Amino acid sequence: MILDTDLKAQLAQYLELMEGDVLLKVSAGSDDTSRDMMELVDELATMSSRIKVETTELERTPSFSVNRVGEDTGITFAGIPLGHEFTSLVLALLQVSGRAPKEDQKLIDQAKNLEGKHHFVTYVSLSCQNCPVVVQALNVLSVLNPNITHTMIDGATFKEEAESNNIMAVPTVFLNGESFGGGRMSLEEILAKLGSAPDASEFENKDPYDVLVVGGGPASASAAIYAARKGIRTGIVAERFGGQVNDTAGIENFISVKRTEGPKFAANLEEHVKDYDIDVMNLQRATGLERKQDFVEIELENGASLKGKSVVLSTGARWRKIGVPGEDEFRNKGVAYCPHCDGPLFEGKDVSVIGGGNSGVEAAIDLAGIVNHVTVLEFSSELKADSVLQERLHSLPNVTVLTNAKTTEITGEDNVNGLTYIDRETETEQHIELEGVFVQIGLLPNTDWLGDSVERNKFGEIVVDRHGATNVPGVFAAGDCTDDPNKQIIISMGSGANTALNAFDYLIRN
């Protein structure tokens, strides 16, 4: 049985929301995946009288397309959309049936007005938590615009095709046969890449904010909500709403929520922010900060500027690079930073994990169940991960741990073929032949754009006091971009609330 009892019960409720008939055109062979796919579509058809099934020949087998009756809608699933992609299938059924996508009307209008033929293909892994965001956004475009098509391809089912296209990270998107982008992309971000982004003119007449929050992660959302609840003019300007939480697989330490996933958590943050009168300016990169008389001015990459009577900096952090030759050259060609997303693409291969902290050891444990062999390299003389993780790691037969190992180069031709390191005990150079390198050595604050405008420590973290205040009057900071020693979602959110309250106090007193 493809769908278990609980999943079928949930699905039955969703299928009742269908508003019109849907035709699934199925291209199947005699292989096991085709048989499983046929079982899935037949099961869907038995659960709703609105779903019909028709066999045909599509570009790829096994695959099926989701269509309005008498019309090719342009949505195709190559492989079986289960795992994280099951939601993508459900939404496709609902939206093709006529149920309106839950998107801002401005984005819907932009999608409908796109001109030209756009044929998208997305390579995914069913274990990737970022892939459904891209798949669902491109499916929405296909539903809204008859000149747009989208095919989701499961890289594990079409392994030879994925390898021939040099797919070593997911999601990877092609447009009309050419590389379009990789990683998590929302509908808004995709439309921006297609030339439908707001320009500087949209910011020209914005009045100064009482509190202007820079950043889009948990600290930013918390700060903005706390500020807006005071009834003051509040804005958020963010490069990517949700921040690094979007790239987090599982969250199990947010008290009162036993477990959730990063993308879902980020979506909940955005939904909560939108409940308040907060001006959200997404996909805007800040490039400078300057104190000018009564205001703090934030310059944007698009040439515009925004003013705030007070500002909360909460730009978060990003994966730290090791900074060796080959790292940038082979990114997404064997060098990866997300084992949950990209791990399945290295099935049966030899890989390494650089970093012996909790994230590195957890990555190695996850990868050991997929790949042929994992080599963990730790610069120090011992691993830094929790003892329970180390015990689990050392129990795995296909894992080697190298301590006192200083990575000096990632080698390769078209893709990664090895890693060179120095044994710090013997001072000898060693080389390992492998096909993947997963970098897990912590975080780097997103503060380079500030230059000397606010005080930062030697790690680039913004220096704050217990009120979240920086050395610049009216400028506060919160979350992972600060010198707070503990980088956790729940701490960032508390930090955001604290700075917003203190920013409000600053406004009252000044």
Protein backbone atom coordinates (compact mmCIF):
# COMPACT_ATOMS: atom_id res chain seq x y z
CA MET A 1 0.00 0.00 0.00
CA ILE A 2 1.52 3.35 -1.10
CA LEU A 3 -0.58 5.49 1.27
CA ASP A 4 -1.00 4.42 4.88
CA THR A 5 -4.33 4.72 6.70
CA ASP A 6 -3.57 8.04 8.42
CA LEU A 7 -2.32 9.64 5.20
CA LYS A 8 -5.39 8.46 3.30
CA ALA A 9 -7.66 9.95 5.95
CA GLN A 10 -5.93 13.32 5.67
CA LEU A 11 -5.94 13.15 1.89
CA ALA A 12 -9.66 12.38 1.75
CA GLN A 13 -10.39 15.62 3.58
CA TYR A 14 -8.26 17.65 1.15
CA LEU A 15 -9.77 16.03 -1.94
CA GLU A 16 -13.23 17.15 -0.80
CA LEU A 17 -11.99 20.71 -1.48
CA MET A 18 -11.56 20.06 -5.22
CA GLU A 19 -13.76 22.37 -7.29
CA GLY A 20 -13.61 20.73 -10.72
CA ASP A 21 -12.53 17.57 -12.53
CA VAL A 22 -8.85 16.66 -12.95
CA LEU A 23 -7.31 14.24 -15.45
CA LEU A 24 -4.09 12.41 -14.57
CA LYS A 25 -2.23 11.37 -17.74
CA VAL A 26 0.10 8.53 -16.78
CA SER A 27 3.16 7.22 -18.59
CA ALA A 28 4.20 3.92 -16.97
CA GLY A 29 6.45 0.98 -17.77
CA SER A 30 6.98 -2.45 -16.24
CA ASP A 31 9.50 -1.34 -13.57
CA ASP A 32 8.78 -1.29 -9.84
CA THR A 33 8.57 2.50 -9.68
CA SER A 34 5.98 2.52 -12.48
CA ARG A 35 3.90 -0.09 -10.65
CA ASP A 36 4.03 1.96 -7.44
CA MET A 37 3.11 5.11 -9.35
CA MET A 38 0.12 3.38 -10.96
CA GLU A 39 -0.98 2.19 -7.53
CA LEU A 40 -0.80 5.77 -6.26
CA VAL A 41 -2.81 7.35 -9.10
CA ASP A 42 -5.39 4.54 -9.04
CA GLU A 43 -5.77 5.05 -5.31
CA LEU A 44 -6.29 8.78 -5.87
CA ALA A 45 -8.97 8.04 -8.45
CA THR A 46 -10.85 5.74 -6.06
CA MET A 47 -10.83 8.46 -3.39
CA SER A 48 -12.46 11.19 -5.51
CA SER A 49 -14.97 11.06 -8.34
CA ARG A 50 -13.34 14.24 -9.67
CA ILE A 51 -10.07 12.46 -10.50
CA LYS A 52 -9.81 10.50 -13.76
CA VAL A 53 -6.81 8.49 -15.02
CA GLU A 54 -5.66 8.05 -18.61
CA THR A 55 -2.58 6.21 -19.87
CA THR A 56 -0.36 7.96 -22.40
CA GLU A 57 3.28 8.46 -23.37
CA LEU A 58 5.07 11.40 -21.79
CA GLU A 59 8.64 12.59 -22.20
CA ARG A 60 9.74 10.53 -19.17
CA THR A 61 8.60 7.18 -17.83
CA PRO A 62 7.50 6.75 -15.09
CA SER A 63 5.68 10.10 -14.82
CA PHE A 64 2.22 11.62 -14.81
CA SER A 65 0.75 15.03 -15.54
CA VAL A 66 -2.05 16.83 -13.71
CA ASN A 67 -4.50 18.48 -16.09
CA ARG A 68 -7.82 20.17 -16.44
CA VAL A 69 -10.12 18.08 -18.61
CA GLY A 70 -9.48 18.99 -22.25
CA GLU A 71 -6.44 21.11 -21.39
CA ASP A 72 -2.77 20.39 -20.65
CA THR A 73 -2.09 22.44 -17.53
CA GLY A 74 1.66 21.93 -17.71
CA ILE A 75 2.35 20.23 -14.34
CA THR A 76 4.21 16.92 -14.48
CA PHE A 77 5.65 14.69 -11.76
CA ALA A 78 8.47 12.44 -13.01
CA GLY A 79 8.78 9.83 -10.27
CA ILE A 80 6.50 9.36 -7.29
CA PRO A 81 5.83 12.60 -5.35
CA LEU A 82 5.82 11.18 -1.85
CA GLY A 83 7.95 12.22 1.14
CA HIS A 84 8.24 15.99 1.27
CA GLU A 85 6.70 16.25 -2.21
CA PHE A 86 3.37 14.70 -1.27
CA THR A 87 2.07 18.15 -0.32
CA SER A 88 3.12 19.38 -3.79
CA LEU A 89 0.92 16.71 -5.35
CA VAL A 90 -2.08 17.55 -3.15
CA LEU A 91 -1.79 21.28 -3.89
CA ALA A 92 -1.46 20.57 -7.62
CA LEU A 93 -4.68 18.56 -7.57
CA LEU A 94 -6.54 21.31 -5.71
CA GLN A 95 -5.21 24.19 -7.80
CA VAL A 96 -5.69 22.49 -11.16
CA SER A 97 -9.26 21.68 -10.08
CA GLY A 98 -9.89 25.42 -9.76
CA ARG A 99 -9.10 26.19 -6.14
CA ALA A 100 -7.23 29.50 -5.99
CA PRO A 101 -3.59 29.45 -4.80
CA LYS A 102 -3.02 31.10 -1.42
CA GLU A 103 -0.72 33.81 -2.76
CA ASP A 104 -0.75 37.59 -2.58
CA GLN A 105 -2.81 39.09 -5.37
CA LYS A 106 0.19 41.14 -6.48
CA LEU A 107 2.17 37.94 -7.12
CA ILE A 108 -0.76 36.31 -8.90
CA ASP A 109 -1.05 39.33 -11.22
CA GLN A 110 2.70 39.26 -11.91
CA ALA A 111 2.50 35.56 -12.77
CA LYS A 112 -0.41 36.03 -15.14
CA ASN A 113 1.33 38.90 -16.91
CA LEU A 114 4.59 37.05 -17.64
CA GLU A 115 5.22 36.94 -21.37
CA GLY A 116 6.99 34.31 -23.44
CA LYS A 117 7.26 30.53 -23.17
CA HIS A 118 8.76 29.23 -19.91
CA HIS A 119 9.43 25.50 -19.58
CA PHE A 120 10.81 24.70 -16.12
CA VAL A 121 12.37 21.45 -14.92
CA THR A 122 13.29 20.92 -11.25
CA TYR A 123 15.48 18.07 -9.98
CA VAL A 124 14.57 17.16 -6.40
CA SER A 125 15.20 14.69 -3.62
CA LEU A 126 12.16 13.42 -1.74
CA SER A 127 14.05 13.98 1.53
CA CYS A 128 14.76 17.64 0.73
CA GLN A 129 12.73 20.08 2.81
CA ASN A 130 13.50 23.02 0.48
CA CYS A 131 12.49 21.33 -2.77
CA PRO A 132 8.70 21.48 -2.23
CA VAL A 133 8.84 25.27 -1.91
CA VAL A 134 10.32 25.52 -5.41
CA VAL A 135 8.11 22.78 -6.89
CA GLN A 136 4.93 24.34 -5.50
CA ALA A 137 5.89 27.84 -6.67
CA LEU A 138 6.58 26.67 -10.23
CA ASN A 139 3.38 24.60 -10.24
CA VAL A 140 1.45 27.74 -9.26
CA LEU A 141 3.01 29.58 -12.20
CA SER A 142 1.91 26.74 -14.50
CA VAL A 143 -1.65 26.92 -13.16
CA LEU A 144 -1.85 30.70 -13.54
CA ASN A 145 -0.14 31.13 -16.91
CA PRO A 146 -0.81 28.87 -19.95
CA ASN A 147 2.64 29.69 -21.37
CA ILE A 148 4.43 28.10 -18.39
CA THR A 149 5.06 24.39 -17.76
CA HIS A 150 6.87 22.64 -14.94
CA THR A 151 8.20 19.12 -14.46
CA MET A 152 9.41 17.83 -11.10
CA ILE A 153 12.05 15.10 -11.48
CA ASP A 154 13.00 12.80 -8.62
CA GLY A 155 16.77 12.52 -8.96
CA ALA A 156 16.78 9.05 -7.36
CA THR A 157 14.28 7.68 -9.92
CA PHE A 158 16.03 9.33 -12.88
CA LYS A 159 19.55 8.89 -11.57
CA GLU A 160 21.27 8.64 -14.98
CA GLU A 161 19.56 11.80 -16.23
CA ALA A 162 20.48 13.66 -13.06
CA GLU A 163 24.11 12.59 -13.34
CA SER A 164 24.28 13.44 -17.05
CA ASN A 165 23.08 16.95 -16.18
CA ASN A 166 25.67 17.15 -13.39
CA ILE A 167 23.02 17.48 -10.66
CA MET A 168 24.87 17.33 -7.32
CA ALA A 169 22.60 19.57 -5.25
CA VAL A 170 18.86 19.98 -4.99
CA PRO A 171 16.67 21.67 -5.83
CA THR A 172 18.22 22.54 -9.19
CA VAL A 173 16.03 24.35 -11.72
CA PHE A 174 16.39 24.60 -15.49
CA LEU A 175 14.44 27.04 -17.67
CA ASN A 176 14.10 26.26 -21.37
CA GLY A 177 17.05 23.88 -21.12
CA GLU A 178 19.40 26.36 -19.42
CA SER A 179 20.40 26.54 -15.76
CA PHE A 180 18.04 28.89 -13.88
CA GLY A 181 18.90 28.52 -10.22
CA GLY A 182 19.41 26.29 -7.21
CA GLY A 183 18.38 26.15 -3.60
CA ARG A 184 15.21 27.33 -1.96
CA MET A 185 13.26 29.91 -4.02
CA SER A 186 9.81 31.24 -3.22
CA LEU A 187 7.30 32.33 -5.85
CA GLU A 188 8.28 35.93 -5.13
CA GLU A 189 11.97 35.15 -5.65
CA ILE A 190 11.31 33.26 -8.89
CA LEU A 191 9.26 36.13 -10.27
CA ALA A 192 12.08 38.51 -9.32
CA LYS A 193 14.59 36.35 -11.23
CA LEU A 194 12.25 36.51 -14.21
CA GLY A 195 12.40 40.31 -14.12
CA SER A 196 9.29 41.06 -12.11
CA ALA A 197 10.89 42.59 -8.99
CA PRO A 198 10.05 46.00 -7.49
CA ASP A 199 12.50 48.79 -8.37
CA ALA A 200 13.79 51.72 -6.32
CA SER A 201 10.82 53.91 -7.28
CA GLU A 202 8.54 51.89 -5.01
CA PHE A 203 10.54 53.09 -1.99
CA GLU A 204 10.83 56.78 -2.83
CA ASN A 205 7.80 58.05 -0.92
CA LYS A 206 7.93 55.86 2.16
CA ASP A 207 7.71 57.82 5.40
CA PRO A 208 10.28 57.17 8.14
CA TYR A 209 9.52 54.19 10.35
CA ASP A 210 9.42 54.35 14.12
CA VAL A 211 11.14 50.95 14.12
CA LEU A 212 12.78 49.60 10.98
CA VAL A 213 13.85 45.96 11.26
CA VAL A 214 16.61 44.74 8.93
CA GLY A 215 16.49 40.98 8.38
CA GLY A 216 13.82 38.32 7.99
CA GLY A 217 14.55 35.55 10.49
CA PRO A 218 13.07 34.65 13.90
CA ALA A 219 14.67 37.64 15.68
CA SER A 220 13.33 40.02 13.02
CA ALA A 221 9.80 38.62 13.15
CA SER A 222 9.75 38.82 16.93
CA ALA A 223 11.09 42.39 16.96
CA ALA A 224 8.60 43.56 14.33
CA ILE A 225 5.60 42.01 16.06
CA TYR A 226 6.55 43.45 19.45
CA ALA A 227 7.05 46.88 17.88
CA ALA A 228 3.78 46.75 15.93
CA ARG A 229 1.89 45.76 19.07
CA LYS A 230 2.94 49.12 20.53
CA GLY A 231 0.98 50.81 17.75
CA ILE A 232 4.03 52.42 16.13
CA ARG A 233 4.99 52.50 12.45
CA THR A 234 6.99 49.32 11.79
CA GLY A 235 8.76 47.96 8.74
CA ILE A 236 10.81 44.89 7.85
CA VAL A 237 13.32 44.91 5.02
CA ALA A 238 14.72 41.45 4.32
CA GLU A 239 16.81 39.71 1.71
CA ARG A 240 14.91 36.46 2.30
CA PHE A 241 12.05 36.14 4.75
CA GLY A 242 12.65 33.29 7.18
CA GLY A 243 16.41 33.57 6.89
CA GLN A 244 18.53 30.52 7.63
CA VAL A 245 15.59 28.77 9.29
CA ASN A 246 14.47 27.98 5.73
CA ASP A 247 17.51 25.70 5.42
CA THR A 248 16.99 23.90 8.73
CA ALA A 249 15.71 20.34 8.49
CA GLY A 250 14.24 19.54 11.89
CA ILE A 251 13.58 21.82 14.88
CA GLU A 252 13.12 19.88 18.11
CA ASN A 253 14.18 22.41 20.76
CA PHE A 254 11.60 25.17 20.34
CA ILE A 255 9.84 24.81 23.64
CA SER A 256 6.13 23.81 23.42
CA VAL A 257 6.57 22.59 19.82
CA LYS A 258 7.92 19.04 19.95
CA ARG A 259 9.06 18.98 16.36
CA THR A 260 8.68 21.01 13.20
CA GLU A 261 10.61 21.69 10.01
CA GLY A 262 12.44 24.87 9.12
CA PRO A 263 10.41 25.89 6.04
CA LYS A 264 7.14 25.34 7.92
CA PHE A 265 8.44 27.35 10.88
CA ALA A 266 9.52 30.18 8.55
CA ALA A 267 6.12 30.19 6.85
CA ASN A 268 4.42 30.43 10.26
CA LEU A 269 6.66 33.39 11.15
CA GLU A 270 5.69 35.22 7.98
CA GLU A 271 2.00 34.46 8.47
CA HIS A 272 2.16 35.81 12.03
CA VAL A 273 3.92 39.00 10.92
CA LYS A 274 1.26 39.61 8.28
CA ASP A 275 -1.41 39.62 10.97
CA TYR A 276 -0.04 43.01 12.04
CA ASP A 277 0.26 46.37 10.35
CA ILE A 278 3.88 45.80 9.34
CA ASP A 279 5.32 46.97 6.02
CA VAL A 280 7.20 43.86 4.76
CA MET A 281 9.76 44.58 2.02
CA ASN A 282 11.14 41.21 0.95
CA LEU A 283 13.99 40.41 -1.48
CA GLN A 284 15.80 43.64 -0.61
CA ARG A 285 19.47 43.53 0.37
CA ALA A 286 20.78 46.20 2.73
CA THR A 287 24.17 47.62 1.73
CA GLY A 288 24.86 50.41 4.22
CA LEU A 289 23.86 52.17 7.43
CA GLU A 290 24.34 55.82 8.34
CA ARG A 291 23.10 57.98 11.22
CA LYS A 292 21.74 61.26 9.80
CA GLN A 293 20.40 63.84 12.27
CA ASP A 294 17.10 62.47 13.61
CA PHE A 295 17.07 59.28 11.54
CA VAL A 296 19.05 56.15 10.80
CA GLU A 297 19.22 55.59 7.06
CA ILE A 298 19.46 52.10 5.51
CA GLU A 299 20.75 51.98 1.95
CA LEU A 300 19.51 49.18 -0.33
CA GLU A 301 21.21 47.40 -3.19
CA ASN A 302 18.58 48.68 -5.64
CA GLY A 303 19.66 52.28 -4.96
CA ALA A 304 16.79 53.20 -2.66
CA SER A 305 17.07 54.12 1.01
CA LEU A 306 14.78 53.77 4.02
CA LYS A 307 14.67 55.85 7.19
CA GLY A 308 13.96 54.80 10.77
CA LYS A 309 13.77 56.72 14.02
CA SER A 310 15.21 53.50 15.41
CA VAL A 311 16.60 50.40 13.69
CA VAL A 312 16.88 46.77 14.75
CA LEU A 313 19.62 44.84 12.94
CA SER A 314 18.80 41.12 12.83
CA THR A 315 20.47 39.85 9.68
CA GLY A 316 21.34 36.43 11.09
CA ALA A 317 24.18 34.20 9.93
CA ARG A 318 25.16 31.88 7.10
CA TRP A 319 27.18 28.69 6.75
CA ARG A 320 30.85 29.31 7.43
CA LYS A 321 33.18 28.34 4.58
CA ILE A 322 36.51 26.62 5.09
CA GLY A 323 38.17 29.00 2.63
CA VAL A 324 40.37 26.59 0.71
CA PRO A 325 41.01 26.22 -3.03
CA GLY A 326 38.23 24.27 -4.71
CA GLU A 327 35.46 25.14 -2.26
CA ASP A 328 33.83 27.83 -4.41
CA GLU A 329 34.78 26.22 -7.71
CA PHE A 330 33.02 22.95 -6.84
CA ARG A 331 30.02 24.28 -4.92
CA ASN A 332 27.02 22.20 -6.06
CA LYS A 333 29.50 20.05 -7.97
CA GLY A 334 30.40 17.93 -4.96
CA VAL A 335 30.76 20.61 -2.28
CA ALA A 336 27.56 20.86 -0.23
CA TYR A 337 26.34 22.37 3.02
CA CYS A 338 23.02 20.55 3.56
CA PRO A 339 23.27 16.78 4.09
CA HIS A 340 19.47 16.43 4.37
CA CYS A 341 18.89 18.00 0.95
CA ASP A 342 21.85 16.76 -1.04
CA GLY A 343 22.77 13.51 0.72
CA PRO A 344 20.61 11.23 -1.48
CA LEU A 345 22.49 12.41 -4.58
CA PHE A 346 25.64 10.77 -3.20
CA GLU A 347 24.13 7.33 -2.73
CA GLY A 348 26.82 4.64 -2.87
CA LYS A 349 29.65 7.19 -3.09
CA ASP A 350 32.52 8.14 -0.80
CA VAL A 351 32.15 11.51 0.91
CA SER A 352 33.69 13.55 3.70
CA VAL A 353 32.26 15.80 6.41
CA ILE A 354 34.44 18.69 7.57
CA GLY A 355 33.64 19.55 11.17
CA GLY A 356 33.42 17.52 14.36
CA GLY A 357 30.80 19.51 16.25
CA ASN A 358 27.17 18.48 16.67
CA SER A 359 26.16 19.52 13.16
CA GLY A 360 29.11 17.72 11.56
CA VAL A 361 28.63 14.49 13.49
CA GLU A 362 24.86 14.52 12.91
CA ALA A 363 25.54 15.01 9.19
CA ALA A 364 27.97 12.08 9.16
CA ILE A 365 25.45 9.82 10.93
CA ASP A 366 22.73 10.73 8.41
CA LEU A 367 25.02 10.28 5.42
CA ALA A 368 26.33 6.92 6.63
CA GLY A 369 22.92 5.41 5.92
CA ILE A 370 23.04 6.57 2.29
CA VAL A 371 26.60 6.70 1.01
CA ASN A 372 29.34 4.05 0.75
CA HIS A 373 31.75 5.67 3.21
CA VAL A 374 32.05 8.83 5.28
CA THR A 375 35.30 10.41 6.46
CA VAL A 376 34.94 13.00 9.23
CA LEU A 377 37.75 15.57 9.45
CA GLU A 378 38.19 17.60 12.65
CA PHE A 379 40.87 20.27 12.99
CA SER A 380 41.26 19.82 16.76
CA SER A 381 42.62 16.80 18.59
CA GLU A 382 39.15 15.52 19.46
CA LEU A 383 35.55 15.77 18.30
CA LYS A 384 33.45 18.49 19.92
CA ALA A 385 30.03 16.86 19.47
CA ASP A 386 27.91 15.62 22.38
CA SER A 387 29.04 12.25 23.72
CA VAL A 388 25.80 10.49 22.72
CA LEU A 389 26.37 11.56 19.10
CA GLN A 390 30.01 10.45 19.20
CA GLU A 391 29.01 7.02 20.50
CA ARG A 392 26.54 6.62 17.66
CA LEU A 393 29.12 7.78 15.12
CA HIS A 394 31.80 5.37 16.31
CA SER A 395 29.32 2.47 16.13
CA LEU A 396 28.91 2.88 12.37
CA PRO A 397 31.05 0.53 10.24
CA ASN A 398 31.39 2.85 7.23
CA VAL A 399 32.71 5.94 9.06
CA THR A 400 36.33 7.01 9.57
CA VAL A 401 37.21 9.86 11.95
CA LEU A 402 40.37 11.90 11.40
CA THR A 403 41.36 14.39 14.09
CA ASN A 404 44.17 16.95 13.86
CA ALA A 405 43.25 17.22 10.17
CA LYS A 406 43.64 20.60 8.46
CA THR A 407 41.85 20.66 5.11
CA THR A 408 43.99 22.48 2.53
CA GLU A 409 42.28 21.84 -0.83
CA ILE A 410 39.26 20.28 -2.49
CA THR A 411 40.32 18.76 -5.78
CA GLY A 412 38.45 17.88 -8.92
CA GLU A 413 37.97 18.38 -12.64
CA ASP A 414 34.33 18.85 -13.60
CA ASN A 415 33.26 17.62 -10.14
CA VAL A 416 34.94 16.89 -6.81
CA ASN A 417 37.32 13.93 -6.92
CA GLY A 418 39.21 14.30 -3.66
CA LEU A 419 40.33 16.26 -0.62
CA THR A 420 43.82 17.14 0.59
CA TYR A 421 44.62 17.69 4.25
CA ILE A 422 47.64 18.05 6.53
CA ASP A 423 48.00 15.70 9.49
CA ARG A 424 48.88 18.23 12.19
CA GLU A 425 50.60 15.61 14.34
CA THR A 426 53.02 14.33 11.69
CA GLU A 427 52.90 17.49 9.51
CA THR A 428 52.49 15.26 6.46
CA GLU A 429 50.16 15.96 3.54
CA GLN A 430 47.48 13.36 2.84
CA HIS A 431 44.94 12.95 0.05
CA ILE A 432 41.56 11.18 0.08
CA GLU A 433 39.73 10.16 -3.08
CA LEU A 434 36.01 10.94 -2.79
CA GLU A 435 33.10 12.49 -4.64
CA GLY A 436 31.47 14.75 -2.06
CA VAL A 437 32.48 17.21 0.67
CA PHE A 438 29.94 18.41 3.24
CA VAL A 439 31.09 21.52 5.12
CA GLN A 440 29.75 21.77 8.69
CA ILE A 441 31.95 24.20 10.63
CA GLY A 442 29.48 26.64 12.10
CA LEU A 443 28.12 30.04 11.18
CA LEU A 444 29.33 33.46 10.04
CA PRO A 445 27.30 36.63 10.86
CA ASN A 446 25.76 38.52 7.95
CA THR A 447 27.29 41.86 8.91
CA ASP A 448 29.92 42.61 6.25
CA TRP A 449 27.65 45.26 4.74
CA LEU A 450 27.89 47.36 7.92
CA GLY A 451 31.61 48.13 7.61
CA ASP A 452 32.61 50.46 10.45
CA SER A 453 29.16 51.99 10.90
CA VAL A 454 28.55 49.99 14.10
CA GLU A 455 30.98 48.26 16.46
CA ARG A 456 31.69 44.60 15.65
CA ASN A 457 34.03 42.13 17.31
CA LYS A 458 36.82 40.17 15.63
CA PHE A 459 34.30 37.53 14.50
CA GLY A 460 32.17 40.15 12.75
CA GLU A 461 29.42 39.94 15.38
CA ILE A 462 27.65 43.17 16.35
CA VAL A 463 28.53 44.20 19.91
CA VAL A 464 25.40 44.85 22.00
CA ASP A 465 24.60 45.55 25.65
CA ARG A 466 21.88 43.87 27.72
CA HIS A 467 19.29 46.14 26.09
CA GLY A 468 20.35 45.04 22.60
CA ALA A 469 21.74 48.52 21.95
CA THR A 470 24.80 49.07 19.76
CA ASN A 471 27.30 51.93 20.04
CA VAL A 472 25.15 54.00 17.64
CA PRO A 473 22.18 55.83 19.21
CA GLY A 474 18.88 54.37 18.03
CA VAL A 475 20.50 51.28 16.49
CA PHE A 476 19.80 47.94 18.16
CA ALA A 477 20.69 44.39 17.16
CA ALA A 478 19.30 40.93 17.89
CA GLY A 479 19.86 37.29 17.09
CA ASP A 480 22.69 35.38 15.46
CA CYS A 481 24.36 38.50 14.02
CA THR A 482 25.23 39.72 17.54
CA ASP A 483 27.90 38.71 20.06
CA ASP A 484 25.36 36.75 22.10
CA PRO A 485 27.26 33.48 22.71
CA ASN A 486 24.28 31.17 22.12
CA LYS A 487 22.88 30.89 18.62
CA GLN A 488 19.44 29.33 18.98
CA ILE A 489 16.06 30.12 17.43
CA ILE A 490 14.33 30.54 20.76
CA ILE A 491 17.10 32.84 22.04
CA SER A 492 16.96 34.92 18.86
CA MET A 493 13.23 35.42 19.25
CA GLY A 494 13.62 36.51 22.87
CA SER A 495 16.42 38.82 21.77
CA GLY A 496 14.19 40.33 19.07
CA ALA A 497 11.42 41.01 21.57
CA ASN A 498 13.89 42.55 24.01
CA THR A 499 15.36 44.95 21.44
CA ALA A 500 11.93 46.01 20.17
CA LEU A 501 10.80 46.90 23.68
CA ASN A 502 14.00 48.80 24.31
CA ALA A 503 13.73 50.56 20.94
CA PHE A 504 10.23 51.68 21.97
CA ASP A 505 11.64 52.96 25.27
CA TYR A 506 14.35 54.81 23.29
CA LEU A 507 11.68 56.50 21.15
CA ILE A 508 9.73 57.62 24.20
CA ARG A 509 12.81 59.12 25.84
CA ASN A 510 14.11 60.81 22.70
